[in-house]
Amino acid sequence: MIAKYKIPISGIIFVTSLILLIAIMPSFEKDMKNRPVYEKLGYVPTGKIMKMISGEFRWFLGEYYTFKAIIYYGDLKGKELAGKKVNIEYYNLYKIIETAVILNPYHEDAYYFAQAAFTWDIGRVREVNAILRYVFQYRRWDFKIPFFLGFNYSYFLREYGKAAEYYKKAAEISGNPFFASLAARYFYESGHTKLGIIFLKFMIKGIRKKDLKNIYEKRLKALEAIYSIEKAVKKYKALYGRMPGSIAELVKKGLLKSIPKDPYGGRFYIDKYGRVRSTSNLKEKKNVRRSS
């Protein structure tokens, strides 16, 4: 008597999904080729669906989506820095990285890219933190993840309790007391800008793609310029008991050698609260098409 073999439901779902995926790929590829270049990033199914249908291939697929996102973003940001008008699909870009980390949470480039692309330029800090927290469940040995979380909570969100918690984790994992002291330095010094400089230097060391590195080096120059003005403002206030009326006054009093240049093409100034600002808001200038 031949024993009957029951195919598990999960197996049926996997095979059916795989057949459907293979069936729609030719038309999907044709559609993607016919779309304008700036839209070619396209839609990717959610990570949970892809994880279910890809099985053991999910590790490779996660790396592939990360590579696709980095190439797409790096190419367009390079064109933007060259003064060309670009249209970045930030929503689809985020969904691709979200899918990539669900498929392969061990791939370092995915969360590193999320931190680089979605915090400074478009301010999606909480979404990036969600990715970092997910990845940290798997990469418990990686001190960079709690370091990024600590930075995001302090620098962008100003949630200092959570920042301190993650810096503590970074210190425990790495054995480096620098992370343990970072939050304290942040509270007791006017170190918001200084913390940004420390973080950017750390990021630049880990970025391999030249276009992305150029973006962060430019922002680093801007923060270093701001920090030099902030220190001069602090000295001025200690000497004269009031805030300076302008940056030019700091130069006149010998507290600054010259007025630093904003690499984004703006002009630094001191606002009514004594904060150093720039007319550029530290963002690339948008190209405006002129009507003929």
C-alpha atoms as a PDB file:
ATOM      1  CA  MET A   1       0.000   0.000   0.000  1.00  0.00           C
ATOM      2  CA  ILE A   2       1.406   3.348  -1.061  1.00  0.00           C
ATOM      3  CA  ALA A   3       1.299   6.027   1.664  1.00  0.00           C
ATOM      4  CA  LYS A   4      -0.385   9.254   0.662  1.00  0.00           C
ATOM      5  CA  TYR A   5       1.789  12.351   0.867  1.00  0.00           C
ATOM      6  CA  LYS A   6       0.184  15.644   1.778  1.00  0.00           C
ATOM      7  CA  ILE A   7       1.730  18.807   0.361  1.00  0.00           C
ATOM      8  CA  PRO A   8       1.844  21.506   3.058  1.00  0.00           C
ATOM      9  CA  ILE A   9      -0.295  24.602   2.450  1.00  0.00           C
ATOM     10  CA  SER A  10       2.824  26.785   2.729  1.00  0.00           C
ATOM     11  CA  GLY A  11       4.408  24.798  -0.115  1.00  0.00           C
ATOM     12  CA  ILE A  12       1.351  25.279  -2.339  1.00  0.00           C
ATOM     13  CA  ILE A  13       1.376  29.032  -1.609  1.00  0.00           C
ATOM     14  CA  PHE A  14       5.080  29.274  -2.389  1.00  0.00           C
ATOM     15  CA  VAL A  15       4.828  27.389  -5.714  1.00  0.00           C
ATOM     16  CA  THR A  16       1.716  29.319  -6.799  1.00  0.00           C
ATOM     17  CA  SER A  17       3.291  32.669  -5.895  1.00  0.00           C
ATOM     18  CA  LEU A  18       6.496  31.769  -7.714  1.00  0.00           C
ATOM     19  CA  ILE A  19       4.576  30.800 -10.871  1.00  0.00           C
ATOM     20  CA  LEU A  20       2.642  34.084 -10.756  1.00  0.00           C
ATOM     21  CA  LEU A  21       5.857  36.045 -10.216  1.00  0.00           C
ATOM     22  CA  ILE A  22       7.522  34.371 -13.227  1.00  0.00           C
ATOM     23  CA  ALA A  23       4.401  34.957 -15.338  1.00  0.00           C
ATOM     24  CA  ILE A  24       4.232  38.711 -14.713  1.00  0.00           C
ATOM     25  CA  MET A  25       7.973  39.435 -14.989  1.00  0.00           C
ATOM     26  CA  PRO A  26       8.114  39.903 -18.818  1.00  0.00           C
ATOM     27  CA  SER A  27       5.291  42.453 -18.851  1.00  0.00           C
ATOM     28  CA  PHE A  28       6.704  44.150 -15.740  1.00  0.00           C
ATOM     29  CA  GLU A  29      10.146  44.496 -17.341  1.00  0.00           C
ATOM     30  CA  LYS A  30       8.581  45.841 -20.555  1.00  0.00           C
ATOM     31  CA  ASP A  31       6.611  48.411 -18.572  1.00  0.00           C
ATOM     32  CA  MET A  32       9.707  49.507 -16.632  1.00  0.00           C
ATOM     33  CA  LYS A  33      11.696  49.989 -19.869  1.00  0.00           C
ATOM     34  CA  ASN A  34       8.991  52.222 -21.316  1.00  0.00           C
ATOM     35  CA  ARG A  35       8.811  54.491 -18.279  1.00  0.00           C
ATOM     36  CA  PRO A  36      10.762  57.781 -18.106  1.00  0.00           C
ATOM     37  CA  VAL A  37      14.275  57.427 -16.665  1.00  0.00           C
ATOM     38  CA  TYR A  38      13.460  59.365 -13.486  1.00  0.00           C
ATOM     39  CA  GLU A  39      10.686  56.888 -12.612  1.00  0.00           C
ATOM     40  CA  LYS A  40      12.560  53.662 -13.285  1.00  0.00           C
ATOM     41  CA  LEU A  41      13.005  52.719  -9.655  1.00  0.00           C
ATOM     42  CA  GLY A  42       9.446  51.419  -9.629  1.00  0.00           C
ATOM     43  CA  TYR A  43       7.312  49.499  -7.153  1.00  0.00           C
ATOM     44  CA  VAL A  44       8.502  46.569  -5.074  1.00  0.00           C
ATOM     45  CA  PRO A  45       6.126  44.245  -3.135  1.00  0.00           C
ATOM     46  CA  THR A  46       6.277  44.508   0.646  1.00  0.00           C
ATOM     47  CA  GLY A  47       9.023  42.718   2.515  1.00  0.00           C
ATOM     48  CA  LYS A  48       6.640  40.248   4.159  1.00  0.00           C
ATOM     49  CA  ILE A  49       5.251  39.100   0.807  1.00  0.00           C
ATOM     50  CA  MET A  50       8.713  38.876  -0.761  1.00  0.00           C
ATOM     51  CA  LYS A  51      10.034  36.955   2.234  1.00  0.00           C
ATOM     52  CA  MET A  52       7.197  34.438   1.924  1.00  0.00           C
ATOM     53  CA  ILE A  53       7.624  33.790  -1.813  1.00  0.00           C
ATOM     54  CA  SER A  54      11.408  33.974  -2.109  1.00  0.00           C
ATOM     55  CA  GLY A  55      12.376  31.383   0.518  1.00  0.00           C
ATOM     56  CA  GLU A  56      16.126  30.878   0.782  1.00  0.00           C
ATOM     57  CA  PHE A  57      16.639  33.302  -2.096  1.00  0.00           C
ATOM     58  CA  ARG A  58      15.613  36.163   0.181  1.00  0.00           C
ATOM     59  CA  TRP A  59      19.214  36.789   1.288  1.00  0.00           C
ATOM     60  CA  PHE A  60      20.353  37.373  -2.277  1.00  0.00           C
ATOM     61  CA  LEU A  61      17.214  39.349  -3.115  1.00  0.00           C
ATOM     62  CA  GLY A  62      17.755  41.642  -0.121  1.00  0.00           C
ATOM     63  CA  GLU A  63      21.279  42.437  -1.307  1.00  0.00           C
ATOM     64  CA  TYR A  64      20.010  42.995  -4.851  1.00  0.00           C
ATOM     65  CA  TYR A  65      17.386  45.544  -3.744  1.00  0.00           C
ATOM     66  CA  THR A  66      19.950  47.368  -1.616  1.00  0.00           C
ATOM     67  CA  PHE A  67      22.357  47.531  -4.560  1.00  0.00           C
ATOM     68  CA  LYS A  68      19.559  48.778  -6.839  1.00  0.00           C
ATOM     69  CA  ALA A  69      18.595  51.537  -4.392  1.00  0.00           C
ATOM     70  CA  ILE A  70      22.176  52.726  -3.850  1.00  0.00           C
ATOM     71  CA  ILE A  71      22.955  52.845  -7.589  1.00  0.00           C
ATOM     72  CA  TYR A  72      19.704  54.691  -8.334  1.00  0.00           C
ATOM     73  CA  TYR A  73      20.148  57.258  -5.551  1.00  0.00           C
ATOM     74  CA  GLY A  74      23.876  57.776  -6.085  1.00  0.00           C
ATOM     75  CA  ASP A  75      23.402  58.366  -9.810  1.00  0.00           C
ATOM     76  CA  LEU A  76      20.645  60.954  -9.343  1.00  0.00           C
ATOM     77  CA  LYS A  77      22.377  62.756  -6.452  1.00  0.00           C
ATOM     78  CA  GLY A  78      25.501  62.957  -8.584  1.00  0.00           C
ATOM     79  CA  LYS A  79      23.472  64.640 -11.335  1.00  0.00           C
ATOM     80  CA  GLU A  80      21.880  66.961  -8.766  1.00  0.00           C
ATOM     81  CA  LEU A  81      25.291  68.035  -7.479  1.00  0.00           C
ATOM     82  CA  ALA A  82      26.269  68.721 -11.098  1.00  0.00           C
ATOM     83  CA  GLY A  83      23.365  71.182 -11.330  1.00  0.00           C
ATOM     84  CA  LYS A  84      20.893  68.995 -13.227  1.00  0.00           C
ATOM     85  CA  LYS A  85      17.194  68.771 -12.413  1.00  0.00           C
ATOM     86  CA  VAL A  86      16.281  65.376 -10.923  1.00  0.00           C
ATOM     87  CA  ASN A  87      13.176  63.748  -9.512  1.00  0.00           C
ATOM     88  CA  ILE A  88      13.986  61.157  -6.844  1.00  0.00           C
ATOM     89  CA  GLU A  89      11.275  58.615  -6.023  1.00  0.00           C
ATOM     90  CA  TYR A  90      11.796  58.827  -2.269  1.00  0.00           C
ATOM     91  CA  TYR A  91       8.686  56.824  -1.381  1.00  0.00           C
ATOM     92  CA  ASN A  92       9.588  53.867  -3.626  1.00  0.00           C
ATOM     93  CA  LEU A  93      13.215  54.199  -2.559  1.00  0.00           C
ATOM     94  CA  TYR A  94      12.243  53.841   1.093  1.00  0.00           C
ATOM     95  CA  LYS A  95       9.933  50.881   0.381  1.00  0.00           C
ATOM     96  CA  ILE A  96      12.746  49.103  -1.488  1.00  0.00           C
ATOM     97  CA  ILE A  97      15.143  49.529   1.436  1.00  0.00           C
ATOM     98  CA  GLU A  98      12.430  48.493   3.891  1.00  0.00           C
ATOM     99  CA  THR A  99      11.878  45.343   1.826  1.00  0.00           C
ATOM    100  CA  ALA A 100      15.637  44.758   1.569  1.00  0.00           C
ATOM    101  CA  VAL A 101      16.160  44.768   5.352  1.00  0.00           C
ATOM    102  CA  ILE A 102      13.204  42.441   5.931  1.00  0.00           C
ATOM    103  CA  LEU A 103      14.634  40.016   3.381  1.00  0.00           C
ATOM    104  CA  ASN A 104      18.199  40.307   4.646  1.00  0.00           C
ATOM    105  CA  PRO A 105      18.621  42.190   7.943  1.00  0.00           C
ATOM    106  CA  TYR A 106      22.275  41.144   8.130  1.00  0.00           C
ATOM    107  CA  HIS A 107      23.330  43.203   5.110  1.00  0.00           C
ATOM    108  CA  GLU A 108      25.073  46.298   6.493  1.00  0.00           C
ATOM    109  CA  ASP A 109      24.756  48.451   3.369  1.00  0.00           C
ATOM    110  CA  ALA A 110      20.938  48.526   3.591  1.00  0.00           C
ATOM    111  CA  TYR A 111      20.619  50.229   6.973  1.00  0.00           C
ATOM    112  CA  TYR A 112      23.694  52.370   6.299  1.00  0.00           C
ATOM    113  CA  PHE A 113      22.050  53.671   3.142  1.00  0.00           C
ATOM    114  CA  ALA A 114      18.740  54.309   4.924  1.00  0.00           C
ATOM    115  CA  GLN A 115      20.570  56.440   7.482  1.00  0.00           C
ATOM    116  CA  ALA A 116      22.361  58.358   4.731  1.00  0.00           C
ATOM    117  CA  ALA A 117      19.443  58.970   2.371  1.00  0.00           C
ATOM    118  CA  PHE A 118      16.357  59.605   4.483  1.00  0.00           C
ATOM    119  CA  THR A 119      17.402  61.638   7.529  1.00  0.00           C
ATOM    120  CA  TRP A 120      19.223  64.782   6.390  1.00  0.00           C
ATOM    121  CA  ASP A 121      17.516  65.505   3.088  1.00  0.00           C
ATOM    122  CA  ILE A 122      13.873  64.555   3.663  1.00  0.00           C
ATOM    123  CA  GLY A 123      13.640  64.282   7.438  1.00  0.00           C
ATOM    124  CA  ARG A 124      12.084  60.798   7.655  1.00  0.00           C
ATOM    125  CA  VAL A 125      13.946  60.102  10.874  1.00  0.00           C
ATOM    126  CA  ARG A 126      11.310  58.008  12.637  1.00  0.00           C
ATOM    127  CA  GLU A 127      10.979  55.731   9.602  1.00  0.00           C
ATOM    128  CA  VAL A 128      14.756  55.241   9.549  1.00  0.00           C
ATOM    129  CA  ASN A 129      14.717  54.502  13.282  1.00  0.00           C
ATOM    130  CA  ALA A 130      12.101  51.806  12.649  1.00  0.00           C
ATOM    131  CA  ILE A 131      14.463  50.171  10.132  1.00  0.00           C
ATOM    132  CA  LEU A 132      17.407  50.461  12.525  1.00  0.00           C
ATOM    133  CA  ARG A 133      15.454  48.918  15.409  1.00  0.00           C
ATOM    134  CA  TYR A 134      14.382  46.016  13.167  1.00  0.00           C
ATOM    135  CA  VAL A 135      17.940  45.364  11.983  1.00  0.00           C
ATOM    136  CA  PHE A 136      19.275  45.593  15.540  1.00  0.00           C
ATOM    137  CA  GLN A 137      17.182  42.557  16.497  1.00  0.00           C
ATOM    138  CA  TYR A 138      19.487  40.538  14.224  1.00  0.00           C
ATOM    139  CA  ARG A 139      22.794  42.443  14.357  1.00  0.00           C
ATOM    140  CA  ARG A 140      23.116  42.618  18.147  1.00  0.00           C
ATOM    141  CA  TRP A 141      26.910  42.813  17.898  1.00  0.00           C
ATOM    142  CA  ASP A 142      26.885  45.914  15.661  1.00  0.00           C
ATOM    143  CA  PHE A 143      27.530  49.041  17.774  1.00  0.00           C
ATOM    144  CA  LYS A 144      26.925  51.325  14.775  1.00  0.00           C
ATOM    145  CA  ILE A 145      23.169  50.693  14.878  1.00  0.00           C
ATOM    146  CA  PRO A 146      22.587  52.016  18.432  1.00  0.00           C
ATOM    147  CA  PHE A 147      25.051  54.809  17.631  1.00  0.00           C
ATOM    148  CA  PHE A 148      22.918  55.869  14.645  1.00  0.00           C
ATOM    149  CA  LEU A 149      19.763  55.585  16.763  1.00  0.00           C
ATOM    150  CA  GLY A 150      21.315  57.665  19.532  1.00  0.00           C
ATOM    151  CA  PHE A 151      22.367  60.306  17.041  1.00  0.00           C
ATOM    152  CA  ASN A 152      18.944  60.449  15.386  1.00  0.00           C
ATOM    153  CA  TYR A 153      17.120  60.787  18.702  1.00  0.00           C
ATOM    154  CA  SER A 154      19.433  63.534  19.934  1.00  0.00           C
ATOM    155  CA  TYR A 155      20.323  65.502  16.818  1.00  0.00           C
ATOM    156  CA  PHE A 156      17.059  65.353  14.870  1.00  0.00           C
ATOM    157  CA  LEU A 157      14.316  64.496  17.373  1.00  0.00           C
ATOM    158  CA  ARG A 158      15.835  65.914  20.584  1.00  0.00           C
ATOM    159  CA  GLU A 159      14.529  62.982  22.593  1.00  0.00           C
ATOM    160  CA  TYR A 160      17.510  62.887  24.907  1.00  0.00           C
ATOM    161  CA  GLY A 161      16.388  60.029  27.167  1.00  0.00           C
ATOM    162  CA  LYS A 162      16.189  57.607  24.238  1.00  0.00           C
ATOM    163  CA  ALA A 163      19.433  58.983  22.831  1.00  0.00           C
ATOM    164  CA  ALA A 164      21.262  58.268  26.085  1.00  0.00           C
ATOM    165  CA  GLU A 165      19.813  54.747  26.155  1.00  0.00           C
ATOM    166  CA  TYR A 166      21.177  53.910  22.702  1.00  0.00           C
ATOM    167  CA  TYR A 167      24.561  55.548  23.310  1.00  0.00           C
ATOM    168  CA  LYS A 168      24.836  53.348  26.404  1.00  0.00           C
ATOM    169  CA  LYS A 169      24.154  50.257  24.269  1.00  0.00           C
ATOM    170  CA  ALA A 170      26.772  51.375  21.753  1.00  0.00           C
ATOM    171  CA  ALA A 171      29.278  51.728  24.611  1.00  0.00           C
ATOM    172  CA  GLU A 172      28.454  48.282  26.019  1.00  0.00           C
ATOM    173  CA  ILE A 173      28.831  46.572  22.640  1.00  0.00           C
ATOM    174  CA  SER A 174      31.959  48.389  21.480  1.00  0.00           C
ATOM    175  CA  GLY A 175      33.659  48.746  24.858  1.00  0.00           C
ATOM    176  CA  ASN A 176      34.359  52.345  23.871  1.00  0.00           C
ATOM    177  CA  PRO A 177      33.662  54.897  26.648  1.00  0.00           C
ATOM    178  CA  PHE A 178      33.348  57.590  23.970  1.00  0.00           C
ATOM    179  CA  PHE A 179      29.723  56.605  23.368  1.00  0.00           C
ATOM    180  CA  ALA A 180      28.919  56.654  27.073  1.00  0.00           C
ATOM    181  CA  SER A 181      30.226  60.211  27.404  1.00  0.00           C
ATOM    182  CA  LEU A 182      28.683  61.454  24.179  1.00  0.00           C
ATOM    183  CA  ALA A 183      25.224  62.141  25.596  1.00  0.00           C
ATOM    184  CA  ALA A 184      26.668  63.951  28.621  1.00  0.00           C
ATOM    185  CA  ARG A 185      28.827  66.159  26.419  1.00  0.00           C
ATOM    186  CA  TYR A 186      25.764  66.872  24.320  1.00  0.00           C
ATOM    187  CA  PHE A 187      23.790  68.103  27.338  1.00  0.00           C
ATOM    188  CA  TYR A 188      26.473  70.211  29.007  1.00  0.00           C
ATOM    189  CA  GLU A 189      28.080  71.830  25.990  1.00  0.00           C
ATOM    190  CA  SER A 190      26.395  73.742  23.201  1.00  0.00           C
ATOM    191  CA  GLY A 191      27.355  70.646  21.267  1.00  0.00           C
ATOM    192  CA  HIS A 192      24.505  70.158  18.831  1.00  0.00           C
ATOM    193  CA  THR A 193      26.657  71.169  15.877  1.00  0.00           C
ATOM    194  CA  LYS A 194      29.702  69.420  17.302  1.00  0.00           C
ATOM    195  CA  LEU A 195      27.760  66.183  17.594  1.00  0.00           C
ATOM    196  CA  GLY A 196      26.788  66.537  13.931  1.00  0.00           C
ATOM    197  CA  ILE A 197      30.455  66.966  12.963  1.00  0.00           C
ATOM    198  CA  ILE A 198      31.461  63.864  14.925  1.00  0.00           C
ATOM    199  CA  PHE A 199      28.692  61.861  13.299  1.00  0.00           C
ATOM    200  CA  LEU A 200      29.430  63.013   9.748  1.00  0.00           C
ATOM    201  CA  LYS A 201      33.117  62.156  10.099  1.00  0.00           C
ATOM    202  CA  PHE A 202      32.070  58.705  11.267  1.00  0.00           C
ATOM    203  CA  MET A 203      29.678  58.308   8.324  1.00  0.00           C
ATOM    204  CA  ILE A 204      32.231  59.446   5.740  1.00  0.00           C
ATOM    205  CA  LYS A 205      34.685  56.753   6.874  1.00  0.00           C
ATOM    206  CA  GLY A 206      32.102  54.050   6.167  1.00  0.00           C
ATOM    207  CA  ILE A 207      30.705  55.291   2.840  1.00  0.00           C
ATOM    208  CA  ARG A 208      32.213  53.569  -0.189  1.00  0.00           C
ATOM    209  CA  LYS A 209      30.354  55.272  -3.035  1.00  0.00           C
ATOM    210  CA  LYS A 210      32.017  58.512  -4.130  1.00  0.00           C
ATOM    211  CA  ASP A 211      28.791  60.421  -4.905  1.00  0.00           C
ATOM    212  CA  LEU A 212      27.396  59.800  -1.416  1.00  0.00           C
ATOM    213  CA  LYS A 213      30.729  60.648   0.200  1.00  0.00           C
ATOM    214  CA  ASN A 214      30.806  63.991  -1.640  1.00  0.00           C
ATOM    215  CA  ILE A 215      27.347  64.852  -0.301  1.00  0.00           C
ATOM    216  CA  TYR A 216      28.411  64.237   3.295  1.00  0.00           C
ATOM    217  CA  GLU A 217      31.761  65.977   2.938  1.00  0.00           C
ATOM    218  CA  LYS A 218      29.916  69.069   1.728  1.00  0.00           C
ATOM    219  CA  ARG A 219      27.571  68.976   4.723  1.00  0.00           C
ATOM    220  CA  LEU A 220      30.561  68.470   7.029  1.00  0.00           C
ATOM    221  CA  LYS A 221      32.198  71.648   5.695  1.00  0.00           C
ATOM    222  CA  ALA A 222      28.979  73.556   6.377  1.00  0.00           C
ATOM    223  CA  LEU A 223      28.723  72.305   9.974  1.00  0.00           C
ATOM    224  CA  GLU A 224      32.390  73.033  10.648  1.00  0.00           C
ATOM    225  CA  ALA A 225      31.844  76.590   9.426  1.00  0.00           C
ATOM    226  CA  ILE A 226      28.781  76.972  11.668  1.00  0.00           C
ATOM    227  CA  TYR A 227      30.654  75.552  14.657  1.00  0.00           C
ATOM    228  CA  SER A 228      33.487  78.069  14.222  1.00  0.00           C
ATOM    229  CA  ILE A 229      30.921  80.891  14.298  1.00  0.00           C
ATOM    230  CA  GLU A 230      29.145  79.386  17.314  1.00  0.00           C
ATOM    231  CA  LYS A 231      32.389  79.282  19.293  1.00  0.00           C
ATOM    232  CA  ALA A 232      33.079  82.926  18.399  1.00  0.00           C
ATOM    233  CA  VAL A 233      29.554  83.903  19.482  1.00  0.00           C
ATOM    234  CA  LYS A 234      30.100  82.139  22.813  1.00  0.00           C
ATOM    235  CA  LYS A 235      33.381  84.033  23.378  1.00  0.00           C
ATOM    236  CA  TYR A 236      31.761  87.327  22.399  1.00  0.00           C
ATOM    237  CA  LYS A 237      28.921  86.811  24.880  1.00  0.00           C
ATOM    238  CA  ALA A 238      31.441  85.966  27.656  1.00  0.00           C
ATOM    239  CA  LEU A 239      33.460  89.112  26.918  1.00  0.00           C
ATOM    240  CA  TYR A 240      30.685  91.648  26.348  1.00  0.00           C
ATOM    241  CA  GLY A 241      27.687  90.177  28.150  1.00  0.00           C
ATOM    242  CA  ARG A 242      25.445  90.327  25.087  1.00  0.00           C
ATOM    243  CA  MET A 243      24.937  88.681  21.708  1.00  0.00           C
ATOM    244  CA  PRO A 244      26.791  90.093  18.688  1.00  0.00           C
ATOM    245  CA  GLY A 245      24.707  91.990  16.175  1.00  0.00           C
ATOM    246  CA  SER A 246      26.255  90.212  13.201  1.00  0.00           C
ATOM    247  CA  ILE A 247      28.982  87.802  12.135  1.00  0.00           C
ATOM    248  CA  ALA A 248      30.915  90.763  10.739  1.00  0.00           C
ATOM    249  CA  GLU A 249      31.128  92.093  14.305  1.00  0.00           C
ATOM    250  CA  LEU A 250      32.860  88.867  15.364  1.00  0.00           C
ATOM    251  CA  VAL A 251      35.462  89.416  12.641  1.00  0.00           C
ATOM    252  CA  LYS A 252      35.891  93.070  13.671  1.00  0.00           C
ATOM    253  CA  LYS A 253      36.550  92.036  17.294  1.00  0.00           C
ATOM    254  CA  GLY A 254      39.126  89.488  16.190  1.00  0.00           C
ATOM    255  CA  LEU A 255      37.102  86.453  17.279  1.00  0.00           C
ATOM    256  CA  LEU A 256      36.846  85.164  13.697  1.00  0.00           C
ATOM    257  CA  LYS A 257      39.502  85.497  10.989  1.00  0.00           C
ATOM    258  CA  SER A 258      36.840  85.923   8.300  1.00  0.00           C
ATOM    259  CA  ILE A 259      33.202  85.106   7.622  1.00  0.00           C
ATOM    260  CA  PRO A 260      33.081  81.409   6.642  1.00  0.00           C
ATOM    261  CA  LYS A 261      31.552  80.489   3.299  1.00  0.00           C
ATOM    262  CA  ASP A 262      28.473  78.305   3.085  1.00  0.00           C
ATOM    263  CA  PRO A 263      29.280  75.456   0.642  1.00  0.00           C
ATOM    264  CA  TYR A 264      25.595  75.416  -0.326  1.00  0.00           C
ATOM    265  CA  GLY A 265      25.869  78.965  -1.659  1.00  0.00           C
ATOM    266  CA  GLY A 266      23.946  80.694   1.132  1.00  0.00           C
ATOM    267  CA  ARG A 267      24.956  83.348   3.652  1.00  0.00           C
ATOM    268  CA  PHE A 268      25.486  82.670   7.355  1.00  0.00           C
ATOM    269  CA  TYR A 269      23.774  84.944   9.871  1.00  0.00           C
ATOM    270  CA  ILE A 270      22.832  85.054  13.575  1.00  0.00           C
ATOM    271  CA  ASP A 271      19.088  84.900  14.213  1.00  0.00           C
ATOM    272  CA  LYS A 272      17.195  86.672  16.993  1.00  0.00           C
ATOM    273  CA  TYR A 273      17.707  83.691  19.324  1.00  0.00           C
ATOM    274  CA  GLY A 274      21.478  83.721  18.860  1.00  0.00           C
ATOM    275  CA  ARG A 275      21.507  80.618  16.635  1.00  0.00           C
ATOM    276  CA  VAL A 276      23.763  80.500  13.583  1.00  0.00           C
ATOM    277  CA  ARG A 277      21.695  79.976  10.451  1.00  0.00           C
ATOM    278  CA  SER A 278      22.166  80.085   6.691  1.00  0.00           C
ATOM    279  CA  THR A 279      19.933  81.467   3.974  1.00  0.00           C
ATOM    280  CA  SER A 280      20.475  78.147   2.140  1.00  0.00           C
ATOM    281  CA  ASN A 281      19.107  76.036   5.035  1.00  0.00           C
ATOM    282  CA  LEU A 282      22.043  73.751   4.124  1.00  0.00           C
ATOM    283  CA  LYS A 283      20.191  72.386   1.107  1.00  0.00           C
ATOM    284  CA  GLU A 284      21.057  72.204  -2.557  1.00  0.00           C
ATOM    285  CA  LYS A 285      19.577  74.976  -4.665  1.00  0.00           C
ATOM    286  CA  LYS A 286      16.579  73.857  -6.687  1.00  0.00           C
ATOM    287  CA  ASN A 287      16.859  74.467 -10.400  1.00  0.00           C
ATOM    288  CA  VAL A 288      13.956  76.522 -11.678  1.00  0.00           C
ATOM    289  CA  ARG A 289      13.063  76.283 -15.340  1.00  0.00           C
ATOM    290  CA  ARG A 290      12.740  79.653 -17.008  1.00  0.00           C
ATOM    291  CA  SER A 291       9.881  80.141 -19.433  1.00  0.00           C
ATOM    292  CA  SER A 292      11.005  81.180 -22.893  1.00  0.00           C
END
